[in-house]
Amino acid sequence: QVQLVESGGGLVQPGGSLRLSCVASGFTFNRYTMRWYRQAPGKERALVAGIGSGGSITNYADSMKGRFTISRDNAKNTVYLHMNNLKPEDTAVYFCNARLLTNNYWGQGTQVTVSS
């Protein structure tokens, strides 16, 4: 069965860093585009970053450029989100997404809280 399991969230001070991980199983990971989304309280889920199946093509939401880096290790069926210089407005639940044609899978999310 398909699973996406996120980890690495937590409480961090402004200016700090976190690395989120998402381990995939139950599908052919290296064929899928992977994305990270986030959803803050009272707001819609929004795209954070995406990475192509081979790992060479990435894209970011404007507010994350230069602070966040998405990467993947196809040998480990894992996608990462490195987050630097975190701000209070980055507080949200972060979700991992896998997509290929009509297949669209989601993880359960991991909470990131940026606060002093």
Protein backbone atom coordinates (compact mmCIF):
# COMPACT_ATOMS: atom_id res chain seq x y z
CA GLN A 1 0.00 0.00 0.00
CA VAL A 2 1.13 3.53 -0.70
CA GLN A 3 2.71 5.41 2.19
CA LEU A 4 4.39 8.77 2.56
CA VAL A 5 5.78 9.32 6.04
CA GLU A 6 7.08 12.76 6.96
CA SER A 7 9.39 13.50 9.87
CA GLY A 8 11.71 16.19 11.14
CA GLY A 9 9.24 18.85 12.20
CA GLY A 10 9.32 20.55 15.56
CA LEU A 11 9.75 23.80 17.42
CA VAL A 12 12.58 26.08 16.27
CA GLN A 13 13.54 29.68 17.02
CA PRO A 14 13.41 32.35 14.33
CA GLY A 15 16.54 32.16 12.21
CA GLY A 16 16.95 28.47 12.90
CA SER A 17 17.00 25.49 10.56
CA LEU A 18 15.20 22.20 10.13
CA ARG A 19 15.40 19.30 7.72
CA LEU A 20 12.18 17.51 6.86
CA SER A 21 12.22 13.99 5.42
CA CYS A 22 9.54 12.03 3.59
CA VAL A 23 10.01 8.30 3.10
CA ALA A 24 7.90 6.73 0.37
CA SER A 25 6.78 3.14 -0.14
CA GLY A 26 4.25 1.22 -2.19
CA PHE A 27 4.97 2.88 -5.55
CA THR A 28 7.87 3.42 -7.95
CA PHE A 29 9.37 6.46 -6.27
CA ASN A 30 11.89 7.34 -8.98
CA ARG A 31 9.13 7.93 -11.52
CA TYR A 32 7.23 10.47 -9.47
CA THR A 33 7.50 14.21 -9.13
CA MET A 34 7.72 15.04 -5.44
CA ARG A 35 6.51 18.22 -3.78
CA TRP A 36 6.28 19.76 -0.36
CA TYR A 37 3.21 21.77 0.57
CA ARG A 38 2.31 23.56 3.77
CA GLN A 39 -0.88 24.62 5.45
CA ALA A 40 -1.00 27.29 8.12
CA PRO A 41 -3.98 27.63 10.48
CA GLY A 42 -6.93 29.18 8.67
CA LYS A 43 -5.17 29.12 5.30
CA GLU A 44 -5.26 26.93 2.23
CA ARG A 45 -2.60 24.37 1.49
CA ALA A 46 0.15 25.99 -0.59
CA LEU A 47 3.06 24.72 -2.65
CA VAL A 48 6.49 25.08 -1.04
CA ALA A 49 8.80 23.32 -3.50
CA GLY A 50 8.91 20.57 -6.10
CA ILE A 51 11.52 18.27 -7.61
CA GLY A 52 11.43 16.19 -10.76
CA SER A 53 11.79 12.44 -10.82
CA GLY A 54 15.50 12.58 -11.63
CA GLY A 55 16.27 15.28 -9.10
CA SER A 56 17.75 17.81 -11.50
CA ILE A 57 14.72 20.07 -11.88
CA THR A 58 13.42 21.99 -8.89
CA ASN A 59 11.02 24.84 -8.31
CA TYR A 60 10.13 26.96 -5.30
CA ALA A 61 7.46 29.33 -4.12
CA ASP A 62 8.86 32.86 -4.24
CA SER A 63 8.95 33.35 -0.47
CA MET A 64 11.09 30.21 -0.02
CA LYS A 65 13.70 30.89 -2.68
CA GLY A 66 17.16 31.14 -1.16
CA ARG A 67 16.01 29.78 2.20
CA PHE A 68 14.61 26.31 1.39
CA THR A 69 16.20 23.50 -0.63
CA ILE A 70 14.41 20.41 -1.87
CA SER A 71 16.38 17.27 -2.70
CA ARG A 72 15.77 13.57 -3.14
CA ASP A 73 17.59 10.27 -2.80
CA ASN A 74 15.98 7.77 -5.13
CA ALA A 75 18.03 4.94 -3.65
CA LYS A 76 16.39 5.62 -0.29
CA ASN A 77 12.93 6.54 -1.62
CA THR A 78 13.23 9.78 0.31
CA VAL A 79 12.65 13.44 -0.40
CA TYR A 80 14.02 16.18 1.84
CA LEU A 81 13.27 19.80 2.55
CA HIS A 82 16.12 21.78 4.08
CA MET A 83 14.79 24.96 5.66
CA ASN A 84 17.10 27.77 6.75
CA ASN A 85 16.52 31.19 8.28
CA LEU A 86 13.07 30.16 9.44
CA LYS A 87 10.50 32.84 10.20
CA PRO A 88 7.36 32.78 12.33
CA GLU A 89 5.29 32.91 9.14
CA ASP A 90 6.78 29.53 8.15
CA THR A 91 4.77 27.94 10.95
CA ALA A 92 2.52 25.33 9.36
CA VAL A 93 1.90 21.65 8.83
CA TYR A 94 4.19 20.48 6.04
CA PHE A 95 2.94 17.76 3.70
CA CYS A 96 4.78 15.53 1.27
CA ASN A 97 3.11 14.86 -2.12
CA ALA A 98 3.86 12.39 -4.90
CA ARG A 99 2.31 12.81 -8.33
CA LEU A 100 2.44 10.93 -11.64
CA LEU A 101 -0.35 11.34 -14.20
CA THR A 102 -3.57 10.62 -12.27
CA ASN A 103 -1.79 9.18 -9.22
CA ASN A 104 -1.66 11.73 -6.43
CA TYR A 105 -0.50 10.68 -2.95
CA TRP A 106 -0.22 12.62 0.32
CA GLY A 107 1.51 12.11 3.62
CA GLN A 108 -0.04 12.86 6.99
CA GLY A 109 2.03 15.98 7.58
CA THR A 110 4.57 17.17 10.11
CA GLN A 111 4.18 20.28 12.26
CA VAL A 112 6.77 23.05 12.05
CA THR A 113 6.51 25.83 14.62
CA VAL A 114 8.81 28.84 14.48
CA SER A 115 8.67 30.81 17.70
CA SER A 116 10.91 32.35 20.31
